[in-house]
Amino acid sequence: METFQEIFSHEIELTALQMALRATAVFFIAFALIRIAGRRSFGLRTPIDNIIVILLGAILSRAVVGSSPFIPIIFASLVICILHRIFGWLFTHYSDFGRVVEGEKIILYGNGRFIDKNMKRGLVRKEDIMQAVRKATFSDSLAGIDSIYLEHNGEISITKKISLKTNTHKGKLIHAN
C-alpha cells in the first residue's frame, strides 16, 4: 500500500520513475476506457465523439502529472466513457435525440446553384466546397454534381447526378453510372 501511495500520491513532486509508472498505468486504464466507450468515439468523429477524446485527454493527463488524486481521476474518466456509451445507445434508438444533439446535414449546393443562406449558417465558403469537389471528383467542374451537404460531423459530402440511358434494343432504362 505504501508503494501505491508513493507512485499515485498527488501531494508530492514526482520523480521521472513515478511519472513513468503513472503514464504506464494511465495507458492501460485509457485502453480499458476506450473499450468501454466503444469504437464509435474514434471512428465517426462527431461532435460528441470529439468531446470524449478531449475530456479523456485532459482528465487523464492530470493523473500522469499528479495534479489531482489518481482514483477520482479514473472514476471521472469512467463516468465520461459511460455517458458516451449511453449517448451512443440513445442515438441509435432515438433518431430525434441524435438530430437534437448532433444536428442535421445542411444542403450547400443543389439544383445547379449554391445555397448562400445555408453556407452562411454552416460557416462554409465556396472555396471550402470546391476543395471538397476537387478531392471527390478530381475536377473543378460541378457538372456531374447533384448536391453537396455539410454533414453533422463537419465533413462535406457530395452526391453525383444519376444518369439513366435507354437501352435501344430492349427499350428499358439502365443505370449508366
C-alpha atoms as a PDB file:
ATOM      1  CA  MET A   1       0.000   0.000   0.000  1.00  0.00           C
ATOM      2  CA  GLU A   2       2.894   2.340   0.745  1.00  0.00           C
ATOM      3  CA  THR A   3       4.350   1.781  -2.747  1.00  0.00           C
ATOM      4  CA  PHE A   4       0.962   2.568  -4.290  1.00  0.00           C
ATOM      5  CA  GLN A   5       0.840   5.744  -2.189  1.00  0.00           C
ATOM      6  CA  GLU A   6       4.349   6.727  -3.333  1.00  0.00           C
ATOM      7  CA  ILE A   7       3.503   6.292  -7.003  1.00  0.00           C
ATOM      8  CA  PHE A   8      -0.028   7.684  -7.070  1.00  0.00           C
ATOM      9  CA  SER A   9       0.006  10.399  -4.391  1.00  0.00           C
ATOM     10  CA  HIS A  10      -0.673  13.880  -5.735  1.00  0.00           C
ATOM     11  CA  GLU A  11       0.844  15.918  -2.918  1.00  0.00           C
ATOM     12  CA  ILE A  12       4.492  15.342  -3.785  1.00  0.00           C
ATOM     13  CA  GLU A  13       6.817  16.393  -6.556  1.00  0.00           C
ATOM     14  CA  LEU A  14       7.066  13.437  -8.903  1.00  0.00           C
ATOM     15  CA  THR A  15      10.292  11.780  -9.953  1.00  0.00           C
ATOM     16  CA  ALA A  16      10.820  10.580 -13.510  1.00  0.00           C
ATOM     17  CA  LEU A  17      10.194   6.989 -12.384  1.00  0.00           C
ATOM     18  CA  GLN A  18       6.917   7.891 -10.662  1.00  0.00           C
ATOM     19  CA  MET A  19       5.709   9.780 -13.713  1.00  0.00           C
ATOM     20  CA  ALA A  20       6.720   6.890 -15.997  1.00  0.00           C
ATOM     21  CA  LEU A  21       4.830   4.413 -13.800  1.00  0.00           C
ATOM     22  CA  ARG A  22       1.797   6.701 -13.765  1.00  0.00           C
ATOM     23  CA  ALA A  23       1.951   7.053 -17.550  1.00  0.00           C
ATOM     24  CA  THR A  24       2.107   3.273 -17.915  1.00  0.00           C
ATOM     25  CA  ALA A  25      -0.876   2.800 -15.606  1.00  0.00           C
ATOM     26  CA  VAL A  26      -2.847   5.535 -17.394  1.00  0.00           C
ATOM     27  CA  PHE A  27      -2.053   3.957 -20.775  1.00  0.00           C
ATOM     28  CA  PHE A  28      -3.641   0.651 -19.762  1.00  0.00           C
ATOM     29  CA  ILE A  29      -6.528   2.373 -17.995  1.00  0.00           C
ATOM     30  CA  ALA A  30      -7.159   4.520 -21.098  1.00  0.00           C
ATOM     31  CA  PHE A  31      -7.134   1.378 -23.224  1.00  0.00           C
ATOM     32  CA  ALA A  32      -9.809  -0.167 -20.990  1.00  0.00           C
ATOM     33  CA  LEU A  33     -11.829   3.067 -21.006  1.00  0.00           C
ATOM     34  CA  ILE A  34     -11.745   3.226 -24.797  1.00  0.00           C
ATOM     35  CA  ARG A  35     -13.046  -0.337 -24.933  1.00  0.00           C
ATOM     36  CA  ILE A  36     -15.885   0.716 -22.612  1.00  0.00           C
ATOM     37  CA  ALA A  37     -16.632   3.849 -24.677  1.00  0.00           C
ATOM     38  CA  GLY A  38     -16.808   1.782 -27.863  1.00  0.00           C
ATOM     39  CA  ARG A  39     -15.332   2.136 -31.319  1.00  0.00           C
ATOM     40  CA  ARG A  40     -17.670   4.963 -32.198  1.00  0.00           C
ATOM     41  CA  SER A  41     -15.609   7.506 -30.237  1.00  0.00           C
ATOM     42  CA  PHE A  42     -12.645   7.133 -32.567  1.00  0.00           C
ATOM     43  CA  GLY A  43     -14.415   6.232 -35.784  1.00  0.00           C
ATOM     44  CA  LEU A  44     -17.205   8.676 -36.522  1.00  0.00           C
ATOM     45  CA  ARG A  45     -15.663  11.917 -35.271  1.00  0.00           C
ATOM     46  CA  THR A  46     -18.969  13.580 -34.481  1.00  0.00           C
ATOM     47  CA  PRO A  47     -19.026  16.485 -32.010  1.00  0.00           C
ATOM     48  CA  ILE A  48     -19.970  14.186 -29.142  1.00  0.00           C
ATOM     49  CA  ASP A  49     -17.133  11.819 -30.093  1.00  0.00           C
ATOM     50  CA  ASN A  50     -14.668  14.697 -30.100  1.00  0.00           C
ATOM     51  CA  ILE A  51     -15.856  15.705 -26.641  1.00  0.00           C
ATOM     52  CA  ILE A  52     -14.900  12.341 -25.178  1.00  0.00           C
ATOM     53  CA  VAL A  53     -11.451  12.452 -26.769  1.00  0.00           C
ATOM     54  CA  ILE A  54     -10.744  15.959 -25.461  1.00  0.00           C
ATOM     55  CA  LEU A  55     -12.133  15.290 -21.994  1.00  0.00           C
ATOM     56  CA  LEU A  56     -10.323  11.990 -21.553  1.00  0.00           C
ATOM     57  CA  GLY A  57      -7.055  13.569 -22.658  1.00  0.00           C
ATOM     58  CA  ALA A  58      -7.473  16.481 -20.271  1.00  0.00           C
ATOM     59  CA  ILE A  59      -8.601  14.390 -17.320  1.00  0.00           C
ATOM     60  CA  LEU A  60      -6.111  11.544 -17.723  1.00  0.00           C
ATOM     61  CA  SER A  61      -3.194  13.944 -18.185  1.00  0.00           C
ATOM     62  CA  ARG A  62      -3.823  15.123 -14.627  1.00  0.00           C
ATOM     63  CA  ALA A  63      -3.270  11.550 -13.448  1.00  0.00           C
ATOM     64  CA  VAL A  64       0.099  11.348 -15.212  1.00  0.00           C
ATOM     65  CA  VAL A  65       1.463  14.624 -13.824  1.00  0.00           C
ATOM     66  CA  GLY A  66      -0.046  14.130 -10.364  1.00  0.00           C
ATOM     67  CA  SER A  67      -2.034  17.364 -10.228  1.00  0.00           C
ATOM     68  CA  SER A  68      -5.152  15.621  -8.856  1.00  0.00           C
ATOM     69  CA  PRO A  69      -5.835  12.459  -6.847  1.00  0.00           C
ATOM     70  CA  PHE A  70      -5.419   9.362  -9.032  1.00  0.00           C
ATOM     71  CA  ILE A  71      -8.515   7.312  -8.138  1.00  0.00           C
ATOM     72  CA  PRO A  72     -11.036  10.180  -8.560  1.00  0.00           C
ATOM     73  CA  ILE A  73      -9.493  10.929 -11.964  1.00  0.00           C
ATOM     74  CA  ILE A  74     -10.001   7.342 -13.081  1.00  0.00           C
ATOM     75  CA  PHE A  75     -13.551   7.379 -11.742  1.00  0.00           C
ATOM     76  CA  ALA A  76     -14.320  10.658 -13.574  1.00  0.00           C
ATOM     77  CA  SER A  77     -12.906   9.171 -16.794  1.00  0.00           C
ATOM     78  CA  LEU A  78     -15.062   6.079 -16.361  1.00  0.00           C
ATOM     79  CA  VAL A  79     -18.159   8.257 -15.921  1.00  0.00           C
ATOM     80  CA  ILE A  80     -17.316  10.162 -19.148  1.00  0.00           C
ATOM     81  CA  CYS A  81     -16.989   6.859 -21.050  1.00  0.00           C
ATOM     82  CA  ILE A  82     -20.240   5.504 -19.656  1.00  0.00           C
ATOM     83  CA  LEU A  83     -22.031   8.737 -20.595  1.00  0.00           C
ATOM     84  CA  HIS A  84     -20.616   8.449 -24.105  1.00  0.00           C
ATOM     85  CA  ARG A  85     -21.852   4.874 -24.315  1.00  0.00           C
ATOM     86  CA  ILE A  86     -25.317   5.948 -23.131  1.00  0.00           C
ATOM     87  CA  PHE A  87     -25.412   8.767 -25.698  1.00  0.00           C
ATOM     88  CA  GLY A  88     -24.378   6.325 -28.429  1.00  0.00           C
ATOM     89  CA  TRP A  89     -27.202   3.996 -27.423  1.00  0.00           C
ATOM     90  CA  LEU A  90     -29.683   6.883 -27.428  1.00  0.00           C
ATOM     91  CA  PHE A  91     -28.502   7.967 -30.905  1.00  0.00           C
ATOM     92  CA  THR A  92     -29.104   4.503 -32.324  1.00  0.00           C
ATOM     93  CA  HIS A  93     -32.501   4.019 -30.704  1.00  0.00           C
ATOM     94  CA  TYR A  94     -33.963   7.539 -30.938  1.00  0.00           C
ATOM     95  CA  SER A  95     -33.153   9.378 -34.170  1.00  0.00           C
ATOM     96  CA  ASP A  96     -34.729  12.596 -32.858  1.00  0.00           C
ATOM     97  CA  PHE A  97     -32.229  12.577 -29.984  1.00  0.00           C
ATOM     98  CA  GLY A  98     -29.362  12.426 -32.469  1.00  0.00           C
ATOM     99  CA  ARG A  99     -30.789  15.287 -34.505  1.00  0.00           C
ATOM    100  CA  VAL A 100     -31.154  17.484 -31.418  1.00  0.00           C
ATOM    101  CA  VAL A 101     -27.682  16.752 -30.034  1.00  0.00           C
ATOM    102  CA  GLU A 102     -25.604  16.447 -33.200  1.00  0.00           C
ATOM    103  CA  GLY A 103     -27.708  18.381 -35.690  1.00  0.00           C
ATOM    104  CA  GLU A 104     -28.709  17.532 -39.243  1.00  0.00           C
ATOM    105  CA  LYS A 105     -26.977  17.766 -42.566  1.00  0.00           C
ATOM    106  CA  ILE A 106     -27.223  21.123 -44.340  1.00  0.00           C
ATOM    107  CA  ILE A 107     -27.575  21.286 -48.115  1.00  0.00           C
ATOM    108  CA  LEU A 108     -25.000  23.689 -49.556  1.00  0.00           C
ATOM    109  CA  TYR A 109     -25.489  23.094 -53.288  1.00  0.00           C
ATOM    110  CA  GLY A 110     -28.482  21.786 -55.192  1.00  0.00           C
ATOM    111  CA  ASN A 111     -30.374  22.311 -58.443  1.00  0.00           C
ATOM    112  CA  GLY A 112     -27.235  23.733 -60.025  1.00  0.00           C
ATOM    113  CA  ARG A 113     -26.704  26.557 -57.535  1.00  0.00           C
ATOM    114  CA  PHE A 114     -25.043  27.321 -54.224  1.00  0.00           C
ATOM    115  CA  ILE A 115     -27.404  27.976 -51.322  1.00  0.00           C
ATOM    116  CA  ASP A 116     -25.866  31.070 -49.718  1.00  0.00           C
ATOM    117  CA  LYS A 117     -28.175  31.109 -46.691  1.00  0.00           C
ATOM    118  CA  ASN A 118     -27.145  27.569 -45.746  1.00  0.00           C
ATOM    119  CA  MET A 119     -23.477  28.258 -46.480  1.00  0.00           C
ATOM    120  CA  LYS A 120     -23.581  31.171 -44.015  1.00  0.00           C
ATOM    121  CA  ARG A 121     -25.444  29.039 -41.476  1.00  0.00           C
ATOM    122  CA  GLY A 122     -22.798  26.321 -41.775  1.00  0.00           C
ATOM    123  CA  LEU A 123     -19.903  28.827 -41.869  1.00  0.00           C
ATOM    124  CA  VAL A 124     -18.722  27.338 -45.163  1.00  0.00           C
ATOM    125  CA  ARG A 125     -17.150  29.271 -48.035  1.00  0.00           C
ATOM    126  CA  LYS A 126     -17.477  28.433 -51.707  1.00  0.00           C
ATOM    127  CA  GLU A 127     -13.731  27.688 -51.677  1.00  0.00           C
ATOM    128  CA  ASP A 128     -14.275  25.018 -48.988  1.00  0.00           C
ATOM    129  CA  ILE A 129     -16.951  23.385 -51.114  1.00  0.00           C
ATOM    130  CA  MET A 130     -14.836  23.492 -54.257  1.00  0.00           C
ATOM    131  CA  GLN A 131     -11.939  21.906 -52.371  1.00  0.00           C
ATOM    132  CA  ALA A 132     -14.235  19.016 -51.424  1.00  0.00           C
ATOM    133  CA  VAL A 133     -15.391  18.757 -55.059  1.00  0.00           C
ATOM    134  CA  ARG A 134     -11.792  18.565 -56.288  1.00  0.00           C
ATOM    135  CA  LYS A 135     -10.968  15.873 -53.718  1.00  0.00           C
ATOM    136  CA  ALA A 136     -14.018  13.796 -54.608  1.00  0.00           C
ATOM    137  CA  THR A 137     -14.079  14.216 -58.390  1.00  0.00           C
ATOM    138  CA  PHE A 138     -10.507  15.248 -59.283  1.00  0.00           C
ATOM    139  CA  SER A 139     -12.096  18.141 -61.174  1.00  0.00           C
ATOM    140  CA  ASP A 140     -13.214  21.753 -60.678  1.00  0.00           C
ATOM    141  CA  SER A 141     -16.452  21.059 -62.521  1.00  0.00           C
ATOM    142  CA  LEU A 142     -19.841  20.928 -60.832  1.00  0.00           C
ATOM    143  CA  ALA A 143     -21.432  19.447 -63.964  1.00  0.00           C
ATOM    144  CA  GLY A 144     -21.752  15.920 -62.578  1.00  0.00           C
ATOM    145  CA  ILE A 145     -22.749  17.024 -59.068  1.00  0.00           C
ATOM    146  CA  ASP A 146     -26.344  16.672 -57.895  1.00  0.00           C
ATOM    147  CA  SER A 147     -25.982  18.061 -54.374  1.00  0.00           C
ATOM    148  CA  ILE A 148     -23.415  18.927 -51.720  1.00  0.00           C
ATOM    149  CA  TYR A 149     -24.039  18.675 -47.972  1.00  0.00           C
ATOM    150  CA  LEU A 150     -22.366  19.777 -44.770  1.00  0.00           C
ATOM    151  CA  GLU A 151     -22.748  16.673 -42.620  1.00  0.00           C
ATOM    152  CA  HIS A 152     -23.361  16.840 -38.878  1.00  0.00           C
ATOM    153  CA  ASN A 153     -19.739  15.858 -38.221  1.00  0.00           C
ATOM    154  CA  GLY A 154     -18.449  18.843 -40.226  1.00  0.00           C
ATOM    155  CA  GLU A 155     -17.448  16.949 -43.360  1.00  0.00           C
ATOM    156  CA  ILE A 156     -18.620  17.996 -46.795  1.00  0.00           C
ATOM    157  CA  SER A 157     -20.225  15.187 -48.792  1.00  0.00           C
ATOM    158  CA  ILE A 158     -21.085  15.128 -52.467  1.00  0.00           C
ATOM    159  CA  THR A 159     -23.743  13.211 -54.375  1.00  0.00           C
ATOM    160  CA  LYS A 160     -23.293  12.752 -58.093  1.00  0.00           C
ATOM    161  CA  LYS A 161     -26.039  13.029 -60.680  1.00  0.00           C
ATOM    162  CA  ILE A 162     -27.505   9.719 -61.743  1.00  0.00           C
ATOM    163  CA  SER A 163     -27.799   9.380 -65.472  1.00  0.00           C
ATOM    164  CA  LEU A 164     -30.282   6.948 -66.918  1.00  0.00           C
ATOM    165  CA  LYS A 165     -29.952   5.871 -70.525  1.00  0.00           C
ATOM    166  CA  THR A 166     -32.355   3.958 -72.698  1.00  0.00           C
ATOM    167  CA  ASN A 167     -31.149   0.639 -73.998  1.00  0.00           C
ATOM    168  CA  THR A 168     -32.355   0.939 -77.598  1.00  0.00           C
ATOM    169  CA  HIS A 169     -32.776  -2.702 -78.470  1.00  0.00           C
ATOM    170  CA  LYS A 170     -34.877  -3.573 -75.400  1.00  0.00           C
ATOM    171  CA  GLY A 171     -36.439  -0.181 -74.618  1.00  0.00           C
ATOM    172  CA  LYS A 172     -35.503  -0.407 -70.922  1.00  0.00           C
ATOM    173  CA  LEU A 173     -33.833   2.147 -68.708  1.00  0.00           C
ATOM    174  CA  ILE A 174     -30.385   1.231 -67.499  1.00  0.00           C
ATOM    175  CA  HIS A 175     -28.196   2.893 -64.913  1.00  0.00           C
ATOM    176  CA  ALA A 176     -25.134   4.417 -66.607  1.00  0.00           C
ATOM    177  CA  ASN A 177     -23.031   5.262 -63.515  1.00  0.00           C
END
